[in-house]
PDB file of all heavy atoms in Angstrom:
ATOM      1  N   THR A   1      12.810   2.177 -19.857  1.00  0.00           N
ATOM      2  CA  THR A   1      11.388   2.222 -19.509  1.00  0.00           C
ATOM      3  C   THR A   1      10.968   0.941 -18.802  1.00  0.00           C
ATOM      4  O   THR A   1      10.205   0.996 -17.829  1.00  0.00           O
ATOM      5  CB  THR A   1      10.539   2.436 -20.779  1.00  0.00           C
ATOM      6  OG1 THR A   1      10.972   3.630 -21.428  1.00  0.00           O
ATOM      7  CG2 THR A   1       9.071   2.546 -20.444  1.00  0.00           C
ATOM      8  N   ASN A   2      11.445  -0.201 -19.266  1.00  0.00           N
ATOM      9  CA  ASN A   2      11.097  -1.474 -18.629  1.00  0.00           C
ATOM     10  C   ASN A   2      11.626  -1.551 -17.201  1.00  0.00           C
ATOM     11  O   ASN A   2      10.939  -2.057 -16.314  1.00  0.00           O
ATOM     12  CB  ASN A   2      11.619  -2.644 -19.450  1.00  0.00           C
ATOM     13  CG  ASN A   2      10.827  -2.853 -20.715  1.00  0.00           C
ATOM     14  OD1 ASN A   2       9.691  -2.398 -20.833  1.00  0.00           O
ATOM     15  ND2 ASN A   2      11.423  -3.504 -21.687  1.00  0.00           N
ATOM     16  N   ILE A   3      12.837  -1.059 -16.975  1.00  0.00           N
ATOM     17  CA  ILE A   3      13.391  -1.038 -15.622  1.00  0.00           C
ATOM     18  C   ILE A   3      12.546  -0.145 -14.726  1.00  0.00           C
ATOM     19  O   ILE A   3      12.202  -0.504 -13.604  1.00  0.00           O
ATOM     20  CB  ILE A   3      14.864  -0.578 -15.640  1.00  0.00           C
ATOM     21  CG1 ILE A   3      15.732  -1.617 -16.331  1.00  0.00           C
ATOM     22  CG2 ILE A   3      15.381  -0.311 -14.230  1.00  0.00           C
ATOM     23  CD1 ILE A   3      17.139  -1.147 -16.611  1.00  0.00           C
ATOM     24  N   LYS A   4      12.194   1.029 -15.227  1.00  0.00           N
ATOM     25  CA  LYS A   4      11.396   1.964 -14.437  1.00  0.00           C
ATOM     26  C   LYS A   4      10.004   1.393 -14.148  1.00  0.00           C
ATOM     27  O   LYS A   4       9.508   1.511 -13.023  1.00  0.00           O
ATOM     28  CB  LYS A   4      11.273   3.306 -15.149  1.00  0.00           C
ATOM     29  CG  LYS A   4      10.661   4.378 -14.267  1.00  0.00           C
ATOM     30  CD  LYS A   4      10.782   5.740 -14.867  1.00  0.00           C
ATOM     31  CE  LYS A   4      12.155   6.280 -14.798  1.00  0.00           C
ATOM     32  NZ  LYS A   4      12.539   6.863 -13.532  1.00  0.00           N
ATOM     33  N   LEU A   5       9.377   0.752 -15.123  1.00  0.00           N
ATOM     34  CA  LEU A   5       8.061   0.154 -14.903  1.00  0.00           C
ATOM     35  C   LEU A   5       8.113  -0.972 -13.872  1.00  0.00           C
ATOM     36  O   LEU A   5       7.200  -1.114 -13.055  1.00  0.00           O
ATOM     37  CB  LEU A   5       7.481  -0.368 -16.216  1.00  0.00           C
ATOM     38  CG  LEU A   5       6.941   0.687 -17.160  1.00  0.00           C
ATOM     39  CD1 LEU A   5       6.515   0.039 -18.472  1.00  0.00           C
ATOM     40  CD2 LEU A   5       5.783   1.427 -16.536  1.00  0.00           C
ATOM     41  N   PHE A   6       9.179  -1.756 -13.882  1.00  0.00           N
ATOM     42  CA  PHE A   6       9.327  -2.815 -12.895  1.00  0.00           C
ATOM     43  C   PHE A   6       9.389  -2.232 -11.487  1.00  0.00           C
ATOM     44  O   PHE A   6       8.718  -2.714 -10.580  1.00  0.00           O
ATOM     45  CB  PHE A   6      10.584  -3.645 -13.184  1.00  0.00           C
ATOM     46  CG  PHE A   6      10.883  -4.648 -12.111  1.00  0.00           C
ATOM     47  CD1 PHE A   6      10.133  -5.798 -12.004  1.00  0.00           C
ATOM     48  CD2 PHE A   6      11.900  -4.420 -11.198  1.00  0.00           C
ATOM     49  CE1 PHE A   6      10.390  -6.729 -11.009  1.00  0.00           C
ATOM     50  CE2 PHE A   6      12.171  -5.337 -10.192  1.00  0.00           C
ATOM     51  CZ  PHE A   6      11.416  -6.498 -10.108  1.00  0.00           C
ATOM     52  N   PHE A   7      10.161  -1.180 -11.304  1.00  0.00           N
ATOM     53  CA  PHE A   7      10.290  -0.608  -9.974  1.00  0.00           C
ATOM     54  C   PHE A   7       9.056   0.200  -9.570  1.00  0.00           C
ATOM     55  O   PHE A   7       8.772   0.338  -8.381  1.00  0.00           O
ATOM     56  CB  PHE A   7      11.568   0.211  -9.850  1.00  0.00           C
ATOM     57  CG  PHE A   7      12.773  -0.663  -9.659  1.00  0.00           C
ATOM     58  CD1 PHE A   7      13.617  -0.948 -10.715  1.00  0.00           C
ATOM     59  CD2 PHE A   7      13.038  -1.233  -8.436  1.00  0.00           C
ATOM     60  CE1 PHE A   7      14.709  -1.766 -10.546  1.00  0.00           C
ATOM     61  CE2 PHE A   7      14.127  -2.058  -8.252  1.00  0.00           C
ATOM     62  CZ  PHE A   7      14.959  -2.323  -9.312  1.00  0.00           C
ATOM     63  N   ILE A   8       8.308   0.704 -10.534  1.00  0.00           N
ATOM     64  CA  ILE A   8       7.014   1.324 -10.209  1.00  0.00           C
ATOM     65  C   ILE A   8       6.056   0.255  -9.696  1.00  0.00           C
ATOM     66  O   ILE A   8       5.324   0.473  -8.726  1.00  0.00           O
ATOM     67  CB  ILE A   8       6.434   2.061 -11.432  1.00  0.00           C
ATOM     68  CG1 ILE A   8       7.238   3.333 -11.693  1.00  0.00           C
ATOM     69  CG2 ILE A   8       4.962   2.393 -11.245  1.00  0.00           C
ATOM     70  CD1 ILE A   8       6.874   4.045 -12.969  1.00  0.00           C
ATOM     71  N   LEU A   9       6.075  -0.915 -10.308  1.00  0.00           N
ATOM     72  CA  LEU A   9       5.253  -2.032  -9.833  1.00  0.00           C
ATOM     73  C   LEU A   9       5.661  -2.442  -8.418  1.00  0.00           C
ATOM     74  O   LEU A   9       4.798  -2.651  -7.559  1.00  0.00           O
ATOM     75  CB  LEU A   9       5.380  -3.217 -10.789  1.00  0.00           C
ATOM     76  CG  LEU A   9       4.621  -4.476 -10.413  1.00  0.00           C
ATOM     77  CD1 LEU A   9       3.126  -4.222 -10.526  1.00  0.00           C
ATOM     78  CD2 LEU A   9       5.041  -5.622 -11.295  1.00  0.00           C
ATOM     79  N   VAL A  10       6.955  -2.512  -8.157  1.00  0.00           N
ATOM     80  CA  VAL A  10       7.448  -2.846  -6.819  1.00  0.00           C
ATOM     81  C   VAL A  10       6.985  -1.789  -5.817  1.00  0.00           C
ATOM     82  O   VAL A  10       6.548  -2.110  -4.710  1.00  0.00           O
ATOM     83  CB  VAL A  10       8.990  -2.977  -6.832  1.00  0.00           C
ATOM     84  CG1 VAL A  10       9.564  -2.995  -5.428  1.00  0.00           C
ATOM     85  CG2 VAL A  10       9.414  -4.219  -7.593  1.00  0.00           C
ATOM     86  N   PHE A  11       7.054  -0.516  -6.206  1.00  0.00           N
ATOM     87  CA  PHE A  11       6.617   0.569  -5.336  1.00  0.00           C
ATOM     88  C   PHE A  11       5.137   0.445  -5.007  1.00  0.00           C
ATOM     89  O   PHE A  11       4.724   0.581  -3.855  1.00  0.00           O
ATOM     90  CB  PHE A  11       6.898   1.922  -6.003  1.00  0.00           C
ATOM     91  CG  PHE A  11       6.318   3.085  -5.273  1.00  0.00           C
ATOM     92  CD1 PHE A  11       6.938   3.589  -4.147  1.00  0.00           C
ATOM     93  CD2 PHE A  11       5.149   3.681  -5.712  1.00  0.00           C
ATOM     94  CE1 PHE A  11       6.406   4.667  -3.463  1.00  0.00           C
ATOM     95  CE2 PHE A  11       4.610   4.756  -5.042  1.00  0.00           C
ATOM     96  CZ  PHE A  11       5.241   5.250  -3.910  1.00  0.00           C
ATOM     97  N   PHE A  12       4.307   0.179  -6.009  1.00  0.00           N
ATOM     98  CA  PHE A  12       2.870   0.086  -5.767  1.00  0.00           C
ATOM     99  C   PHE A  12       2.491  -1.128  -4.929  1.00  0.00           C
ATOM    100  O   PHE A  12       1.509  -1.084  -4.196  1.00  0.00           O
ATOM    101  CB  PHE A  12       2.081   0.113  -7.077  1.00  0.00           C
ATOM    102  CG  PHE A  12       1.836   1.510  -7.557  1.00  0.00           C
ATOM    103  CD1 PHE A  12       2.351   1.947  -8.755  1.00  0.00           C
ATOM    104  CD2 PHE A  12       1.105   2.396  -6.802  1.00  0.00           C
ATOM    105  CE1 PHE A  12       2.145   3.230  -9.187  1.00  0.00           C
ATOM    106  CE2 PHE A  12       0.873   3.692  -7.223  1.00  0.00           C
ATOM    107  CZ  PHE A  12       1.398   4.110  -8.421  1.00  0.00           C
ATOM    108  N   ILE A  13       3.238  -2.204  -5.020  1.00  0.00           N
ATOM    109  CA  ILE A  13       2.976  -3.352  -4.157  1.00  0.00           C
ATOM    110  C   ILE A  13       3.174  -2.956  -2.697  1.00  0.00           C
ATOM    111  O   ILE A  13       2.340  -3.239  -1.842  1.00  0.00           O
ATOM    112  CB  ILE A  13       3.873  -4.549  -4.549  1.00  0.00           C
ATOM    113  CG1 ILE A  13       3.419  -5.132  -5.877  1.00  0.00           C
ATOM    114  CG2 ILE A  13       3.865  -5.621  -3.467  1.00  0.00           C
ATOM    115  CD1 ILE A  13       4.371  -6.157  -6.455  1.00  0.00           C
ATOM    116  N   GLY A  14       4.274  -2.277  -2.420  1.00  0.00           N
ATOM    117  CA  GLY A  14       4.519  -1.795  -1.060  1.00  0.00           C
ATOM    118  C   GLY A  14       3.496  -0.758  -0.621  1.00  0.00           C
ATOM    119  O   GLY A  14       3.035  -0.761   0.525  1.00  0.00           O
ATOM    120  N   PHE A  15       3.117   0.124  -1.536  1.00  0.00           N
ATOM    121  CA  PHE A  15       2.145   1.172  -1.218  1.00  0.00           C
ATOM    122  C   PHE A  15       0.782   0.581  -0.881  1.00  0.00           C
ATOM    123  O   PHE A  15       0.135   0.991   0.089  1.00  0.00           O
ATOM    124  CB  PHE A  15       2.027   2.142  -2.400  1.00  0.00           C
ATOM    125  CG  PHE A  15       1.029   3.228  -2.185  1.00  0.00           C
ATOM    126  CD1 PHE A  15       1.325   4.299  -1.354  1.00  0.00           C
ATOM    127  CD2 PHE A  15      -0.206   3.184  -2.810  1.00  0.00           C
ATOM    128  CE1 PHE A  15       0.408   5.309  -1.149  1.00  0.00           C
ATOM    129  CE2 PHE A  15      -1.129   4.182  -2.610  1.00  0.00           C
ATOM    130  CZ  PHE A  15      -0.824   5.258  -1.776  1.00  0.00           C
ATOM    131  N   ILE A  16       0.338  -0.393  -1.659  1.00  0.00           N
ATOM    132  CA  ILE A  16      -0.965  -1.016  -1.412  1.00  0.00           C
ATOM    133  C   ILE A  16      -0.947  -1.772  -0.085  1.00  0.00           C
ATOM    134  O   ILE A  16      -1.939  -1.752   0.657  1.00  0.00           O
ATOM    135  CB  ILE A  16      -1.345  -1.935  -2.596  1.00  0.00           C
ATOM    136  CG1 ILE A  16      -1.688  -1.069  -3.812  1.00  0.00           C
ATOM    137  CG2 ILE A  16      -2.512  -2.850  -2.246  1.00  0.00           C
ATOM    138  CD1 ILE A  16      -1.853  -1.834  -5.093  1.00  0.00           C
ATOM    139  N   TYR A  17       0.158  -2.418   0.241  1.00  0.00           N
ATOM    140  CA  TYR A  17       0.258  -3.108   1.525  1.00  0.00           C
ATOM    141  C   TYR A  17       0.094  -2.116   2.681  1.00  0.00           C
ATOM    142  O   TYR A  17      -0.685  -2.348   3.600  1.00  0.00           O
ATOM    143  CB  TYR A  17       1.598  -3.838   1.644  1.00  0.00           C
ATOM    144  CG  TYR A  17       1.809  -4.419   3.014  1.00  0.00           C
ATOM    145  CD1 TYR A  17       1.158  -5.580   3.392  1.00  0.00           C
ATOM    146  CD2 TYR A  17       2.637  -3.791   3.939  1.00  0.00           C
ATOM    147  CE1 TYR A  17       1.331  -6.114   4.660  1.00  0.00           C
ATOM    148  CE2 TYR A  17       2.812  -4.313   5.202  1.00  0.00           C
ATOM    149  CZ  TYR A  17       2.165  -5.470   5.562  1.00  0.00           C
ATOM    150  OH  TYR A  17       2.330  -5.978   6.810  1.00  0.00           O
ATOM    151  N   PHE A  18       0.833  -1.006   2.632  1.00  0.00           N
ATOM    152  CA  PHE A  18       0.749  -0.044   3.731  1.00  0.00           C
ATOM    153  C   PHE A  18      -0.583   0.695   3.741  1.00  0.00           C
ATOM    154  O   PHE A  18      -1.053   1.111   4.797  1.00  0.00           O
ATOM    155  CB  PHE A  18       1.918   0.933   3.687  1.00  0.00           C
ATOM    156  CG  PHE A  18       3.178   0.338   4.241  1.00  0.00           C
ATOM    157  CD1 PHE A  18       4.247   0.058   3.424  1.00  0.00           C
ATOM    158  CD2 PHE A  18       3.274   0.024   5.581  1.00  0.00           C
ATOM    159  CE1 PHE A  18       5.397  -0.505   3.934  1.00  0.00           C
ATOM    160  CE2 PHE A  18       4.419  -0.546   6.107  1.00  0.00           C
ATOM    161  CZ  PHE A  18       5.480  -0.814   5.272  1.00  0.00           C
ATOM    162  N   LEU A  19      -1.222   0.850   2.603  1.00  0.00           N
ATOM    163  CA  LEU A  19      -2.564   1.425   2.571  1.00  0.00           C
ATOM    164  C   LEU A  19      -3.551   0.496   3.265  1.00  0.00           C
ATOM    165  O   LEU A  19      -4.404   0.948   4.036  1.00  0.00           O
ATOM    166  CB  LEU A  19      -3.000   1.680   1.121  1.00  0.00           C
ATOM    167  CG  LEU A  19      -4.325   2.381   0.925  1.00  0.00           C
ATOM    168  CD1 LEU A  19      -4.250   3.801   1.489  1.00  0.00           C
ATOM    169  CD2 LEU A  19      -4.678   2.418  -0.543  1.00  0.00           C
ATOM    170  N   GLY A  20      -3.429  -0.800   3.034  1.00  0.00           N
ATOM    171  CA  GLY A  20      -4.275  -1.771   3.736  1.00  0.00           C
ATOM    172  C   GLY A  20      -4.028  -1.767   5.233  1.00  0.00           C
ATOM    173  O   GLY A  20      -4.965  -1.857   6.031  1.00  0.00           O
ATOM    174  N   GLN A  21      -2.773  -1.638   5.636  1.00  0.00           N
ATOM    175  CA  GLN A  21      -2.455  -1.551   7.056  1.00  0.00           C
ATOM    176  C   GLN A  21      -3.064  -0.297   7.670  1.00  0.00           C
ATOM    177  O   GLN A  21      -3.573  -0.323   8.788  1.00  0.00           O
ATOM    178  CB  GLN A  21      -0.935  -1.541   7.264  1.00  0.00           C
ATOM    179  CG  GLN A  21      -0.268  -2.834   6.904  1.00  0.00           C
ATOM    180  CD  GLN A  21      -0.704  -3.964   7.812  1.00  0.00           C
ATOM    181  OE1 GLN A  21      -0.748  -3.817   9.019  1.00  0.00           O
ATOM    182  NE2 GLN A  21      -1.046  -5.088   7.221  1.00  0.00           N
ATOM    183  N   PHE A  22      -3.016   0.810   6.936  1.00  0.00           N
ATOM    184  CA  PHE A  22      -3.597   2.063   7.412  1.00  0.00           C
ATOM    185  C   PHE A  22      -5.102   1.936   7.603  1.00  0.00           C
ATOM    186  O   PHE A  22      -5.659   2.400   8.606  1.00  0.00           O
ATOM    187  CB  PHE A  22      -3.279   3.195   6.425  1.00  0.00           C
ATOM    188  CG  PHE A  22      -3.946   4.488   6.749  1.00  0.00           C
ATOM    189  CD1 PHE A  22      -3.475   5.276   7.783  1.00  0.00           C
ATOM    190  CD2 PHE A  22      -5.048   4.917   6.021  1.00  0.00           C
ATOM    191  CE1 PHE A  22      -4.091   6.482   8.093  1.00  0.00           C
ATOM    192  CE2 PHE A  22      -5.666   6.106   6.324  1.00  0.00           C
ATOM    193  CZ  PHE A  22      -5.186   6.894   7.359  1.00  0.00           C
ATOM    194  N   VAL A  23      -5.772   1.288   6.669  1.00  0.00           N
ATOM    195  CA  VAL A  23      -7.224   1.101   6.779  1.00  0.00           C
ATOM    196  C   VAL A  23      -7.554   0.252   7.993  1.00  0.00           C
ATOM    197  O   VAL A  23      -8.504   0.544   8.736  1.00  0.00           O
ATOM    198  CB  VAL A  23      -7.786   0.470   5.483  1.00  0.00           C
ATOM    199  CG1 VAL A  23      -9.208  -0.017   5.666  1.00  0.00           C
ATOM    200  CG2 VAL A  23      -7.714   1.469   4.344  1.00  0.00           C
ATOM    201  N   GLN A  24      -6.785  -0.791   8.239  1.00  0.00           N
ATOM    202  CA  GLN A  24      -7.035  -1.633   9.411  1.00  0.00           C
ATOM    203  C   GLN A  24      -6.840  -0.863  10.709  1.00  0.00           C
ATOM    204  O   GLN A  24      -7.640  -0.990  11.646  1.00  0.00           O
ATOM    205  CB  GLN A  24      -6.108  -2.847   9.390  1.00  0.00           C
ATOM    206  CG  GLN A  24      -6.474  -3.862   8.345  1.00  0.00           C
ATOM    207  CD  GLN A  24      -5.510  -5.030   8.339  1.00  0.00           C
ATOM    208  OE1 GLN A  24      -4.537  -5.055   9.087  1.00  0.00           O
ATOM    209  NE2 GLN A  24      -5.790  -6.008   7.485  1.00  0.00           N
ATOM    210  N   VAL A  25      -5.803  -0.043  10.788  1.00  0.00           N
ATOM    211  CA  VAL A  25      -5.554   0.735  12.001  1.00  0.00           C
ATOM    212  C   VAL A  25      -6.659   1.756  12.232  1.00  0.00           C
ATOM    213  O   VAL A  25      -7.149   1.924  13.356  1.00  0.00           O
ATOM    214  CB  VAL A  25      -4.169   1.423  11.924  1.00  0.00           C
ATOM    215  CG1 VAL A  25      -4.003   2.469  13.009  1.00  0.00           C
ATOM    216  CG2 VAL A  25      -3.060   0.388  12.011  1.00  0.00           C
ATOM    217  N   MET A  26      -7.074   2.435  11.170  1.00  0.00           N
ATOM    218  CA  MET A  26      -8.131   3.437  11.313  1.00  0.00           C
ATOM    219  C   MET A  26      -9.464   2.788  11.668  1.00  0.00           C
ATOM    220  O   MET A  26     -10.255   3.349  12.431  1.00  0.00           O
ATOM    221  CB  MET A  26      -8.261   4.274  10.034  1.00  0.00           C
ATOM    222  CG  MET A  26      -7.048   5.131   9.747  1.00  0.00           C
ATOM    223  SD  MET A  26      -6.576   6.199  11.106  1.00  0.00           S
ATOM    224  CE  MET A  26      -7.837   7.411  11.044  1.00  0.00           C
ATOM    225  N   ALA A  27      -9.732   1.598  11.141  1.00  0.00           N
ATOM    226  CA  ALA A  27     -10.964   0.895  11.476  1.00  0.00           C
ATOM    227  C   ALA A  27     -10.970   0.496  12.947  1.00  0.00           C
ATOM    228  O   ALA A  27     -11.998   0.617  13.629  1.00  0.00           O
ATOM    229  CB  ALA A  27     -11.126  -0.335  10.590  1.00  0.00           C
ATOM    230  N   ARG A  28      -9.835   0.036  13.440  1.00  0.00           N
ATOM    231  CA  ARG A  28      -9.752  -0.287  14.868  1.00  0.00           C
ATOM    232  C   ARG A  28      -9.888   0.961  15.730  1.00  0.00           C
ATOM    233  O   ARG A  28     -10.504   0.924  16.791  1.00  0.00           O
ATOM    234  CB  ARG A  28      -8.423  -0.985  15.182  1.00  0.00           C
ATOM    235  CG  ARG A  28      -8.469  -2.448  14.895  1.00  0.00           C
ATOM    236  CD  ARG A  28      -7.223  -3.137  15.432  1.00  0.00           C
ATOM    237  NE  ARG A  28      -6.679  -3.912  14.328  1.00  0.00           N
ATOM    238  CZ  ARG A  28      -5.451  -3.815  13.855  1.00  0.00           C
ATOM    239  NH1 ARG A  28      -4.588  -3.004  14.392  1.00  0.00           N
ATOM    240  NH2 ARG A  28      -5.065  -4.559  12.842  1.00  0.00           N
ATOM    241  N   LEU A  29      -9.327   2.056  15.281  1.00  0.00           N
ATOM    242  CA  LEU A  29      -9.373   3.307  16.038  1.00  0.00           C
ATOM    243  C   LEU A  29     -10.802   3.817  16.180  1.00  0.00           C
ATOM    244  O   LEU A  29     -11.204   4.281  17.246  1.00  0.00           O
ATOM    245  CB  LEU A  29      -8.502   4.370  15.363  1.00  0.00           C
ATOM    246  CG  LEU A  29      -8.419   5.728  16.042  1.00  0.00           C
ATOM    247  CD1 LEU A  29      -7.663   5.594  17.357  1.00  0.00           C
ATOM    248  CD2 LEU A  29      -7.732   6.727  15.138  1.00  0.00           C
ATOM    249  N   PHE A  30     -11.584   3.721  15.124  1.00  0.00           N
ATOM    250  CA  PHE A  30     -12.964   4.204  15.145  1.00  0.00           C
ATOM    251  C   PHE A  30     -13.989   3.098  15.402  1.00  0.00           C
ATOM    252  O   PHE A  30     -15.182   3.292  15.188  1.00  0.00           O
ATOM    253  CB  PHE A  30     -13.288   4.924  13.837  1.00  0.00           C
ATOM    254  CG  PHE A  30     -12.526   6.202  13.660  1.00  0.00           C
ATOM    255  CD1 PHE A  30     -11.579   6.330  12.664  1.00  0.00           C
ATOM    256  CD2 PHE A  30     -12.752   7.272  14.503  1.00  0.00           C
ATOM    257  CE1 PHE A  30     -10.872   7.503  12.500  1.00  0.00           C
ATOM    258  CE2 PHE A  30     -12.058   8.455  14.358  1.00  0.00           C
ATOM    259  CZ  PHE A  30     -11.107   8.574  13.355  1.00  0.00           C
ATOM    260  N   ASP A  31     -13.548   1.930  15.810  1.00  0.00           N
ATOM    261  CA  ASP A  31     -14.406   0.782  16.120  1.00  0.00           C
ATOM    262  C   ASP A  31     -15.331   0.413  14.961  1.00  0.00           C
ATOM    263  O   ASP A  31     -16.524   0.185  15.129  1.00  0.00           O
ATOM    264  CB  ASP A  31     -15.244   1.047  17.380  1.00  0.00           C
ATOM    265  CG  ASP A  31     -14.377   1.140  18.618  1.00  0.00           C
ATOM    266  OD1 ASP A  31     -13.356   0.431  18.660  1.00  0.00           O
ATOM    267  OD2 ASP A  31     -14.725   1.921  19.523  1.00  0.00           O
ATOM    268  N   ILE A  32     -14.791   0.337  13.784  1.00  0.00           N
ATOM    269  CA  ILE A  32     -15.538  -0.068  12.596  1.00  0.00           C
ATOM    270  C   ILE A  32     -15.178  -1.521  12.307  1.00  0.00           C
ATOM    271  O   ILE A  32     -14.011  -1.846  12.082  1.00  0.00           O
ATOM    272  CB  ILE A  32     -15.191   0.809  11.379  1.00  0.00           C
ATOM    273  CG1 ILE A  32     -15.541   2.263  11.666  1.00  0.00           C
ATOM    274  CG2 ILE A  32     -15.921   0.307  10.138  1.00  0.00           C
ATOM    275  CD1 ILE A  32     -15.049   3.214  10.601  1.00  0.00           C
TER     276      ILE A  32
END
């Protein structure tokens, strides 16, 4: 369980980064 939780944390760090990148791209696309 500890190994799985560690890699879930690693996954969410990457996911949040790419979600932020997506928001920036969409904001530029719609001039927000």
